Amino acid sequence: MRPDMLDEDRVRSYLGPTFTAVPLYFYDRLRSTNDTAARLFQQQIDEVFLAVMAEKQEAGRGRQGRTWISPAHASLLLSIAFRYPSYATIKLEQWPLLAALCVQRVLDYDMGLNVTIKWPNDIRIAGKKVAGILTERRDAHTQSLILGIGMNVTTKQDEFALELRDKAGSLAMFTANPIDRNHLAATLLREIHQMYLATLQGLTFHDVHHEFISHCDTVGQRVRLSQGSVLFDGLVKTIDDEGTLHFVTGDGRSLTFISGEIIEVLS
C-alpha cells in the first residue's frame, strides 16, 4: 500500500472510539462518492450517519452539474450521508453554508491556512478554489442529505485544466508542511459530525451567522451571479442570518437569492 493512500485503520485511529460504530467505506475507484453514499444509505435504513471516500471517481459532480476532475491520490473525495428523526424540525437548505463553515474551520484552525468562503460554499485560498461542496436530497419526503466534498490536496498547477489554472488551487500550494490526507479526512468527518449533532439540538445557521460572515469574501463585492441560465450583475449588500444573499442590481433593483453561483467578481 502506498504510504499516502487513504486507509480505514488510519482514519479510525485519528477519529477515536466515538466513531467505532459509524460506517466508513473506502474505494480505490468508483463513479461518484455521492451516488455510492446514497445507495448505501438507502440499503441501511437503520443508520443515521455514514461516510464514503475514494481515491478516484470517474463521474464526480460539482455544483450546476459540472464535472469534478480529481487526480488519483491527490484529492480528498468524501461524501457523508445523514438523516434526522421524523419529529425534528431541520433546515436542510442551510447545510451548504454549515458545511462550508466546517471545512473552513478545519483548514484554518487545524492547518493554519487562511481560508475564505465564496457564498454559498466554495472554499478558497488567495482567491483560488481549493474545495467545493455539493449537497443533494435524493428523496424530498425524508429528512436526509448527501453531502459531497471535493478537495484539492496535493494537485499540481499543471494538473488542472488550462481554463482552471487561474481559478483553482490545492492545499499544498499554500503550505510547506506535509499533509496527511487520513488525518484531514478524520478531522473533517469529526467537524461535520459535531455540526450534525448540534443541529439535532436545535442549532441553525442563525447561531453561526457571525462566524460565517467573518470568513466570507462575498459581501461588498460587485459580482456576476447566475441562477440557472439567468445572469445578474450587481453589488452583494449582505448575507442574512438565514443564509439569503441580498443583492442590488446595476439599475437599482433589490433582489434576494437563497441559491445561485457567483461566477465572476466585477471590477
C-alpha atoms as a PDB file:
ATOM      1  CA  MET A   1       0.000   0.000   0.000  1.00  0.00           C
ATOM      2  CA  ARG A   2       1.241   3.478  -0.858  1.00  0.00           C
ATOM      3  CA  PRO A   3       2.023   5.445   2.324  1.00  0.00           C
ATOM      4  CA  ASP A   4      -0.126   8.347   1.125  1.00  0.00           C
ATOM      5  CA  MET A   5      -3.243   6.264   0.416  1.00  0.00           C
ATOM      6  CA  LEU A   6      -6.457   6.683   2.324  1.00  0.00           C
ATOM      7  CA  ASP A   7      -6.734   3.860   4.822  1.00  0.00           C
ATOM      8  CA  GLU A   8      -9.637   2.977   7.117  1.00  0.00           C
ATOM      9  CA  ASP A   9      -7.456   1.927  10.050  1.00  0.00           C
ATOM     10  CA  ARG A  10      -5.512   5.173   9.959  1.00  0.00           C
ATOM     11  CA  VAL A  11      -8.641   7.321   9.633  1.00  0.00           C
ATOM     12  CA  ARG A  12     -10.292   5.473  12.515  1.00  0.00           C
ATOM     13  CA  SER A  13      -7.173   5.844  14.654  1.00  0.00           C
ATOM     14  CA  TYR A  14      -7.458   9.606  14.267  1.00  0.00           C
ATOM     15  CA  LEU A  15     -11.224   9.575  14.873  1.00  0.00           C
ATOM     16  CA  GLY A  16     -11.029   7.673  18.133  1.00  0.00           C
ATOM     17  CA  PRO A  17     -13.546   5.389  19.864  1.00  0.00           C
ATOM     18  CA  THR A  18     -16.607   7.628  19.494  1.00  0.00           C
ATOM     19  CA  PHE A  19     -16.690   6.775  15.779  1.00  0.00           C
ATOM     20  CA  THR A  20     -16.366   2.998  16.197  1.00  0.00           C
ATOM     21  CA  ALA A  21     -19.986   2.365  15.188  1.00  0.00           C
ATOM     22  CA  VAL A  22     -20.053   4.860  12.293  1.00  0.00           C
ATOM     23  CA  PRO A  23     -19.811   3.022   8.943  1.00  0.00           C
ATOM     24  CA  LEU A  24     -16.907   4.200   6.762  1.00  0.00           C
ATOM     25  CA  TYR A  25     -16.408   2.933   3.209  1.00  0.00           C
ATOM     26  CA  PHE A  26     -13.180   3.244   1.226  1.00  0.00           C
ATOM     27  CA  TYR A  27     -12.775   2.665  -2.507  1.00  0.00           C
ATOM     28  CA  ASP A  28      -9.840   2.887  -4.856  1.00  0.00           C
ATOM     29  CA  ARG A  29     -12.100   3.932  -7.731  1.00  0.00           C
ATOM     30  CA  LEU A  30     -15.800   4.482  -8.268  1.00  0.00           C
ATOM     31  CA  ARG A  31     -18.104   6.634 -10.361  1.00  0.00           C
ATOM     32  CA  SER A  32     -19.294   9.030  -7.669  1.00  0.00           C
ATOM     33  CA  THR A  33     -18.928   9.121  -3.888  1.00  0.00           C
ATOM     34  CA  ASN A  34     -22.315  10.859  -3.609  1.00  0.00           C
ATOM     35  CA  ASP A  35     -24.030   8.148  -5.665  1.00  0.00           C
ATOM     36  CA  THR A  36     -22.393   5.394  -3.623  1.00  0.00           C
ATOM     37  CA  ALA A  37     -23.240   7.054  -0.312  1.00  0.00           C
ATOM     38  CA  ALA A  38     -26.873   7.457  -1.402  1.00  0.00           C
ATOM     39  CA  ARG A  39     -27.114   3.805  -2.414  1.00  0.00           C
ATOM     40  CA  LEU A  40     -25.556   2.518   0.811  1.00  0.00           C
ATOM     41  CA  PHE A  41     -27.744   4.811   2.912  1.00  0.00           C
ATOM     42  CA  GLN A  42     -30.871   3.580   1.170  1.00  0.00           C
ATOM     43  CA  GLN A  43     -29.851  -0.012   1.878  1.00  0.00           C
ATOM     44  CA  GLN A  44     -29.025   0.627   5.541  1.00  0.00           C
ATOM     45  CA  ILE A  45     -32.184   2.273   6.787  1.00  0.00           C
ATOM     46  CA  ASP A  46     -31.168   1.967  10.463  1.00  0.00           C
ATOM     47  CA  GLU A  47     -28.001   4.021  10.013  1.00  0.00           C
ATOM     48  CA  VAL A  48     -28.161   7.752  10.669  1.00  0.00           C
ATOM     49  CA  PHE A  49     -24.639   8.733   9.558  1.00  0.00           C
ATOM     50  CA  LEU A  50     -22.121   7.154   7.194  1.00  0.00           C
ATOM     51  CA  ALA A  51     -19.219   8.240   5.001  1.00  0.00           C
ATOM     52  CA  VAL A  52     -17.698   7.182   1.683  1.00  0.00           C
ATOM     53  CA  MET A  53     -14.190   8.025   0.448  1.00  0.00           C
ATOM     54  CA  ALA A  54     -12.454   7.259  -2.831  1.00  0.00           C
ATOM     55  CA  GLU A  55      -9.029   7.785  -4.327  1.00  0.00           C
ATOM     56  CA  LYS A  56     -10.516   8.397  -7.751  1.00  0.00           C
ATOM     57  CA  GLN A  57     -14.004   8.984  -9.113  1.00  0.00           C
ATOM     58  CA  GLU A  58     -14.945   8.776 -12.754  1.00  0.00           C
ATOM     59  CA  ALA A  59     -18.184  10.740 -12.707  1.00  0.00           C
ATOM     60  CA  GLY A  60     -17.710  13.201  -9.868  1.00  0.00           C
ATOM     61  CA  ARG A  61     -20.028  16.196  -9.934  1.00  0.00           C
ATOM     62  CA  GLY A  62     -19.746  19.752  -8.796  1.00  0.00           C
ATOM     63  CA  ARG A  63     -22.465  22.357  -8.482  1.00  0.00           C
ATOM     64  CA  GLN A  64     -24.513  23.291 -11.553  1.00  0.00           C
ATOM     65  CA  GLY A  65     -23.913  19.791 -12.967  1.00  0.00           C
ATOM     66  CA  ARG A  66     -20.215  20.371 -13.644  1.00  0.00           C
ATOM     67  CA  THR A  67     -17.665  17.552 -13.651  1.00  0.00           C
ATOM     68  CA  TRP A  68     -15.243  17.465 -10.720  1.00  0.00           C
ATOM     69  CA  ILE A  69     -11.857  16.286 -12.031  1.00  0.00           C
ATOM     70  CA  SER A  70      -9.513  14.810  -9.428  1.00  0.00           C
ATOM     71  CA  PRO A  71      -6.128  13.142  -9.998  1.00  0.00           C
ATOM     72  CA  ALA A  72      -5.797   9.889  -8.056  1.00  0.00           C
ATOM     73  CA  HIS A  73      -4.184  10.159  -4.587  1.00  0.00           C
ATOM     74  CA  ALA A  74      -4.088  13.972  -4.821  1.00  0.00           C
ATOM     75  CA  SER A  75      -7.568  14.842  -3.550  1.00  0.00           C
ATOM     76  CA  LEU A  76      -9.941  14.206  -0.709  1.00  0.00           C
ATOM     77  CA  LEU A  77     -13.176  12.864  -2.174  1.00  0.00           C
ATOM     78  CA  LEU A  78     -15.624  12.446   0.675  1.00  0.00           C
ATOM     79  CA  SER A  79     -19.382  12.012   0.814  1.00  0.00           C
ATOM     80  CA  ILE A  80     -21.374  11.905   4.020  1.00  0.00           C
ATOM     81  CA  ALA A  81     -24.976  10.774   4.316  1.00  0.00           C
ATOM     82  CA  PHE A  82     -27.063  11.578   7.364  1.00  0.00           C
ATOM     83  CA  ARG A  83     -30.698  11.652   8.373  1.00  0.00           C
ATOM     84  CA  TYR A  84     -32.795  13.279  11.029  1.00  0.00           C
ATOM     85  CA  PRO A  85     -35.655  11.754  13.040  1.00  0.00           C
ATOM     86  CA  SER A  86     -39.129  12.492  11.729  1.00  0.00           C
ATOM     87  CA  TYR A  87     -40.038  14.585  14.778  1.00  0.00           C
ATOM     88  CA  ALA A  88     -37.124  17.013  14.316  1.00  0.00           C
ATOM     89  CA  THR A  89     -37.564  20.379  12.630  1.00  0.00           C
ATOM     90  CA  ILE A  90     -34.456  20.677  10.484  1.00  0.00           C
ATOM     91  CA  LYS A  91     -33.475  23.291   7.909  1.00  0.00           C
ATOM     92  CA  LEU A  92     -31.700  21.109   5.378  1.00  0.00           C
ATOM     93  CA  GLU A  93     -31.351  24.050   2.985  1.00  0.00           C
ATOM     94  CA  GLN A  94     -28.844  25.627   5.386  1.00  0.00           C
ATOM     95  CA  TRP A  95     -26.394  22.740   5.162  1.00  0.00           C
ATOM     96  CA  PRO A  96     -24.403  24.094   2.176  1.00  0.00           C
ATOM     97  CA  LEU A  97     -23.479  27.040   4.413  1.00  0.00           C
ATOM     98  CA  LEU A  98     -22.907  24.926   7.519  1.00  0.00           C
ATOM     99  CA  ALA A  99     -20.713  22.503   5.578  1.00  0.00           C
ATOM    100  CA  ALA A 100     -18.631  25.363   4.187  1.00  0.00           C
ATOM    101  CA  LEU A 101     -18.072  26.597   7.721  1.00  0.00           C
ATOM    102  CA  CYS A 102     -16.981  23.112   8.815  1.00  0.00           C
ATOM    103  CA  VAL A 103     -14.382  22.964   6.029  1.00  0.00           C
ATOM    104  CA  GLN A 104     -13.182  26.495   6.815  1.00  0.00           C
ATOM    105  CA  ARG A 105     -12.735  25.623  10.489  1.00  0.00           C
ATOM    106  CA  VAL A 106     -10.657  22.549   9.709  1.00  0.00           C
ATOM    107  CA  LEU A 107      -8.392  24.271   7.185  1.00  0.00           C
ATOM    108  CA  ASP A 108      -7.992  27.453   9.239  1.00  0.00           C
ATOM    109  CA  TYR A 109      -7.761  26.183  12.784  1.00  0.00           C
ATOM    110  CA  ASP A 110      -6.171  22.757  12.234  1.00  0.00           C
ATOM    111  CA  MET A 111      -3.887  23.521   9.281  1.00  0.00           C
ATOM    112  CA  GLY A 112      -3.263  27.248   9.670  1.00  0.00           C
ATOM    113  CA  LEU A 113      -4.460  28.114   6.173  1.00  0.00           C
ATOM    114  CA  ASN A 114      -6.107  31.473   5.543  1.00  0.00           C
ATOM    115  CA  VAL A 115      -9.387  30.273   4.047  1.00  0.00           C
ATOM    116  CA  THR A 116     -12.315  32.293   2.749  1.00  0.00           C
ATOM    117  CA  ILE A 117     -15.804  31.210   1.721  1.00  0.00           C
ATOM    118  CA  LYS A 118     -17.396  32.370  -1.500  1.00  0.00           C
ATOM    119  CA  TRP A 119     -21.156  32.248  -0.955  1.00  0.00           C
ATOM    120  CA  PRO A 120     -22.689  29.792  -0.646  1.00  0.00           C
ATOM    121  CA  ASN A 121     -19.973  27.158  -0.211  1.00  0.00           C
ATOM    122  CA  ASP A 122     -16.848  27.457  -2.342  1.00  0.00           C
ATOM    123  CA  ILE A 123     -13.657  27.247  -0.277  1.00  0.00           C
ATOM    124  CA  ARG A 124     -10.835  29.485  -1.434  1.00  0.00           C
ATOM    125  CA  ILE A 125      -7.295  30.443  -0.510  1.00  0.00           C
ATOM    126  CA  ALA A 126      -5.816  33.609  -2.020  1.00  0.00           C
ATOM    127  CA  GLY A 127      -8.733  33.712  -4.433  1.00  0.00           C
ATOM    128  CA  LYS A 128      -8.187  30.161  -5.725  1.00  0.00           C
ATOM    129  CA  LYS A 129     -10.827  27.487  -5.187  1.00  0.00           C
ATOM    130  CA  VAL A 130      -9.415  24.548  -3.248  1.00  0.00           C
ATOM    131  CA  ALA A 131     -12.649  22.757  -2.350  1.00  0.00           C
ATOM    132  CA  GLY A 132     -16.243  22.507  -3.454  1.00  0.00           C
ATOM    133  CA  ILE A 133     -19.326  21.165  -1.733  1.00  0.00           C
ATOM    134  CA  LEU A 134     -22.353  19.510  -3.306  1.00  0.00           C
ATOM    135  CA  THR A 135     -25.445  18.877  -1.174  1.00  0.00           C
ATOM    136  CA  GLU A 136     -28.160  16.633  -2.552  1.00  0.00           C
ATOM    137  CA  ARG A 137     -31.546  15.451  -1.352  1.00  0.00           C
ATOM    138  CA  ARG A 138     -32.306  12.201  -3.130  1.00  0.00           C
ATOM    139  CA  ASP A 139     -35.740  11.862  -1.526  1.00  0.00           C
ATOM    140  CA  ALA A 140     -37.728  15.018  -0.833  1.00  0.00           C
ATOM    141  CA  HIS A 141     -40.006  13.079   1.536  1.00  0.00           C
ATOM    142  CA  THR A 142     -37.262  12.196   4.019  1.00  0.00           C
ATOM    143  CA  GLN A 143     -35.099  14.370   6.250  1.00  0.00           C
ATOM    144  CA  SER A 144     -31.840  13.079   4.822  1.00  0.00           C
ATOM    145  CA  LEU A 145     -28.986  14.654   2.940  1.00  0.00           C
ATOM    146  CA  ILE A 146     -25.949  13.615   0.930  1.00  0.00           C
ATOM    147  CA  LEU A 147     -23.046  15.981   1.466  1.00  0.00           C
ATOM    148  CA  GLY A 148     -20.178  15.667  -1.021  1.00  0.00           C
ATOM    149  CA  ILE A 149     -16.838  17.406  -0.545  1.00  0.00           C
ATOM    150  CA  GLY A 150     -14.152  17.513  -3.201  1.00  0.00           C
ATOM    151  CA  MET A 151     -10.858  18.984  -2.012  1.00  0.00           C
ATOM    152  CA  ASN A 152      -7.669  19.526  -3.974  1.00  0.00           C
ATOM    153  CA  VAL A 153      -4.943  18.466  -1.566  1.00  0.00           C
ATOM    154  CA  THR A 154      -1.681  17.940  -3.469  1.00  0.00           C
ATOM    155  CA  THR A 155      -2.812  18.629  -7.038  1.00  0.00           C
ATOM    156  CA  LYS A 156      -0.094  20.441  -9.002  1.00  0.00           C
ATOM    157  CA  GLN A 157      -0.849  23.565 -11.020  1.00  0.00           C
ATOM    158  CA  ASP A 158      -0.221  21.852 -14.357  1.00  0.00           C
ATOM    159  CA  GLU A 159      -2.673  19.076 -13.453  1.00  0.00           C
ATOM    160  CA  PHE A 160      -5.598  21.482 -13.642  1.00  0.00           C
ATOM    161  CA  ALA A 161      -7.276  22.085 -16.981  1.00  0.00           C
ATOM    162  CA  LEU A 162      -5.895  25.165 -18.713  1.00  0.00           C
ATOM    163  CA  GLU A 163      -9.101  27.137 -18.206  1.00  0.00           C
ATOM    164  CA  LEU A 164      -8.973  26.472 -14.438  1.00  0.00           C
ATOM    165  CA  ARG A 165      -5.363  27.271 -13.628  1.00  0.00           C
ATOM    166  CA  ASP A 166      -6.083  30.885 -12.729  1.00  0.00           C
ATOM    167  CA  LYS A 167      -9.048  29.910 -10.571  1.00  0.00           C
ATOM    168  CA  ALA A 168      -8.152  26.591  -8.910  1.00  0.00           C
ATOM    169  CA  GLY A 169      -5.524  25.649  -6.359  1.00  0.00           C
ATOM    170  CA  SER A 170      -4.639  22.944  -3.878  1.00  0.00           C
ATOM    171  CA  LEU A 171      -3.781  22.961  -0.185  1.00  0.00           C
ATOM    172  CA  ALA A 172      -0.163  22.014  -0.875  1.00  0.00           C
ATOM    173  CA  MET A 173       0.345  25.235  -2.836  1.00  0.00           C
ATOM    174  CA  PHE A 174      -0.221  27.247   0.340  1.00  0.00           C
ATOM    175  CA  THR A 175       1.725  25.299   2.956  1.00  0.00           C
ATOM    176  CA  ALA A 176       5.213  23.866   3.216  1.00  0.00           C
ATOM    177  CA  ASN A 177       4.052  21.305   5.751  1.00  0.00           C
ATOM    178  CA  PRO A 178       3.289  17.725   4.665  1.00  0.00           C
ATOM    179  CA  ILE A 179      -0.424  16.932   4.510  1.00  0.00           C
ATOM    180  CA  ASP A 180      -1.750  13.637   5.845  1.00  0.00           C
ATOM    181  CA  ARG A 181      -4.997  13.019   3.952  1.00  0.00           C
ATOM    182  CA  ASN A 182      -6.078  10.419   6.512  1.00  0.00           C
ATOM    183  CA  HIS A 183      -5.787  12.945   9.319  1.00  0.00           C
ATOM    184  CA  LEU A 184      -7.513  15.588   7.186  1.00  0.00           C
ATOM    185  CA  ALA A 185     -10.391  13.199   6.407  1.00  0.00           C
ATOM    186  CA  ALA A 186     -10.794  12.299  10.076  1.00  0.00           C
ATOM    187  CA  THR A 187     -10.726  15.922  11.232  1.00  0.00           C
ATOM    188  CA  LEU A 188     -13.298  16.938   8.635  1.00  0.00           C
ATOM    189  CA  LEU A 189     -15.549  13.985   9.466  1.00  0.00           C
ATOM    190  CA  ARG A 190     -15.419  14.857  13.155  1.00  0.00           C
ATOM    191  CA  GLU A 191     -16.240  18.520  12.489  1.00  0.00           C
ATOM    192  CA  ILE A 192     -19.243  17.691  10.304  1.00  0.00           C
ATOM    193  CA  HIS A 193     -20.465  15.063  12.750  1.00  0.00           C
ATOM    194  CA  GLN A 194     -20.297  17.609  15.574  1.00  0.00           C
ATOM    195  CA  MET A 195     -22.245  20.085  13.443  1.00  0.00           C
ATOM    196  CA  TYR A 196     -24.837  17.392  12.718  1.00  0.00           C
ATOM    197  CA  LEU A 197     -25.217  16.668  16.444  1.00  0.00           C
ATOM    198  CA  ALA A 198     -25.512  20.385  17.160  1.00  0.00           C
ATOM    199  CA  THR A 199     -28.337  20.741  14.625  1.00  0.00           C
ATOM    200  CA  LEU A 200     -30.112  17.859  16.343  1.00  0.00           C
ATOM    201  CA  GLN A 201     -30.039  20.053  19.452  1.00  0.00           C
ATOM    202  CA  GLY A 202     -31.521  22.994  17.563  1.00  0.00           C
ATOM    203  CA  LEU A 203     -28.542  24.847  16.066  1.00  0.00           C
ATOM    204  CA  THR A 204     -29.310  26.714  12.830  1.00  0.00           C
ATOM    205  CA  PHE A 205     -27.309  28.993  10.564  1.00  0.00           C
ATOM    206  CA  HIS A 206     -28.519  31.905  12.682  1.00  0.00           C
ATOM    207  CA  ASP A 207     -26.267  30.665  15.514  1.00  0.00           C
ATOM    208  CA  VAL A 208     -23.106  30.693  13.391  1.00  0.00           C
ATOM    209  CA  HIS A 209     -24.026  33.593  11.091  1.00  0.00           C
ATOM    210  CA  HIS A 210     -21.449  35.990  12.503  1.00  0.00           C
ATOM    211  CA  GLU A 211     -18.680  33.391  12.218  1.00  0.00           C
ATOM    212  CA  PHE A 212     -19.631  32.619   8.608  1.00  0.00           C
ATOM    213  CA  ILE A 213     -19.694  36.303   7.645  1.00  0.00           C
ATOM    214  CA  SER A 214     -16.272  36.864   9.212  1.00  0.00           C
ATOM    215  CA  HIS A 215     -14.798  34.365   6.739  1.00  0.00           C
ATOM    216  CA  CYS A 216     -16.956  35.154   3.702  1.00  0.00           C
ATOM    217  CA  ASP A 217     -15.303  37.178   0.934  1.00  0.00           C
ATOM    218  CA  THR A 218     -18.550  37.914  -0.928  1.00  0.00           C
ATOM    219  CA  VAL A 219     -20.193  40.769   0.977  1.00  0.00           C
ATOM    220  CA  GLY A 220     -19.439  44.172  -0.529  1.00  0.00           C
ATOM    221  CA  GLN A 221     -18.271  42.729  -3.849  1.00  0.00           C
ATOM    222  CA  ARG A 222     -19.633  43.674  -7.258  1.00  0.00           C
ATOM    223  CA  VAL A 223     -20.258  40.328  -8.907  1.00  0.00           C
ATOM    224  CA  ARG A 224     -21.931  38.465 -11.705  1.00  0.00           C
ATOM    225  CA  LEU A 225     -24.352  35.924 -10.240  1.00  0.00           C
ATOM    226  CA  SER A 226     -26.046  33.131 -12.124  1.00  0.00           C
ATOM    227  CA  GLN A 227     -29.273  31.431 -11.227  1.00  0.00           C
ATOM    228  CA  GLY A 228     -29.818  28.744 -13.780  1.00  0.00           C
ATOM    229  CA  SER A 229     -29.335  30.393 -17.174  1.00  0.00           C
ATOM    230  CA  VAL A 230     -30.124  33.912 -15.910  1.00  0.00           C
ATOM    231  CA  LEU A 231     -27.270  36.308 -15.065  1.00  0.00           C
ATOM    232  CA  PHE A 232     -27.375  39.264 -12.696  1.00  0.00           C
ATOM    233  CA  ASP A 233     -24.716  41.960 -12.256  1.00  0.00           C
ATOM    234  CA  GLY A 234     -24.682  43.989  -9.094  1.00  0.00           C
ATOM    235  CA  LEU A 235     -23.497  44.520  -5.523  1.00  0.00           C
ATOM    236  CA  VAL A 236     -23.745  41.987  -2.709  1.00  0.00           C
ATOM    237  CA  LYS A 237     -25.123  44.017   0.191  1.00  0.00           C
ATOM    238  CA  THR A 238     -25.299  41.351   2.879  1.00  0.00           C
ATOM    239  CA  ILE A 239     -25.995  37.719   3.715  1.00  0.00           C
ATOM    240  CA  ASP A 240     -28.660  37.470   6.379  1.00  0.00           C
ATOM    241  CA  ASP A 241     -28.922  35.007   9.253  1.00  0.00           C
ATOM    242  CA  GLU A 242     -30.959  32.596   7.133  1.00  0.00           C
ATOM    243  CA  GLY A 243     -28.154  32.459   4.554  1.00  0.00           C
ATOM    244  CA  THR A 244     -30.056  34.541   1.998  1.00  0.00           C
ATOM    245  CA  LEU A 245     -27.926  36.802  -0.193  1.00  0.00           C
ATOM    246  CA  HIS A 246     -29.208  40.367  -0.611  1.00  0.00           C
ATOM    247  CA  PHE A 247     -28.263  41.922  -3.931  1.00  0.00           C
ATOM    248  CA  VAL A 248     -28.666  45.284  -5.663  1.00  0.00           C
ATOM    249  CA  THR A 249     -28.521  45.274  -9.456  1.00  0.00           C
ATOM    250  CA  GLY A 250     -26.859  47.957 -11.546  1.00  0.00           C
ATOM    251  CA  ASP A 251     -30.242  49.552 -12.247  1.00  0.00           C
ATOM    252  CA  GLY A 252     -31.124  49.719  -8.560  1.00  0.00           C
ATOM    253  CA  ARG A 253     -33.369  46.674  -8.094  1.00  0.00           C
ATOM    254  CA  SER A 254     -33.111  44.851  -4.770  1.00  0.00           C
ATOM    255  CA  LEU A 255     -33.113  41.064  -5.123  1.00  0.00           C
ATOM    256  CA  THR A 256     -32.647  38.143  -2.772  1.00  0.00           C
ATOM    257  CA  PHE A 257     -31.175  34.728  -3.540  1.00  0.00           C
ATOM    258  CA  ILE A 258     -31.337  31.584  -1.451  1.00  0.00           C
ATOM    259  CA  SER A 259     -29.218  29.750  -4.032  1.00  0.00           C
ATOM    260  CA  GLY A 260     -27.119  30.580  -7.039  1.00  0.00           C
ATOM    261  CA  GLU A 261     -23.497  30.878  -8.068  1.00  0.00           C
ATOM    262  CA  ILE A 262     -21.150  33.833  -8.182  1.00  0.00           C
ATOM    263  CA  ILE A 263     -19.269  33.267 -11.420  1.00  0.00           C
ATOM    264  CA  GLU A 264     -17.215  36.446 -11.591  1.00  0.00           C
ATOM    265  CA  VAL A 265     -16.071  39.351  -9.460  1.00  0.00           C
ATOM    266  CA  LEU A 266     -16.519  42.583 -11.410  1.00  0.00           C
ATOM    267  CA  SER A 267     -14.033  45.437 -11.236  1.00  0.00           C
END
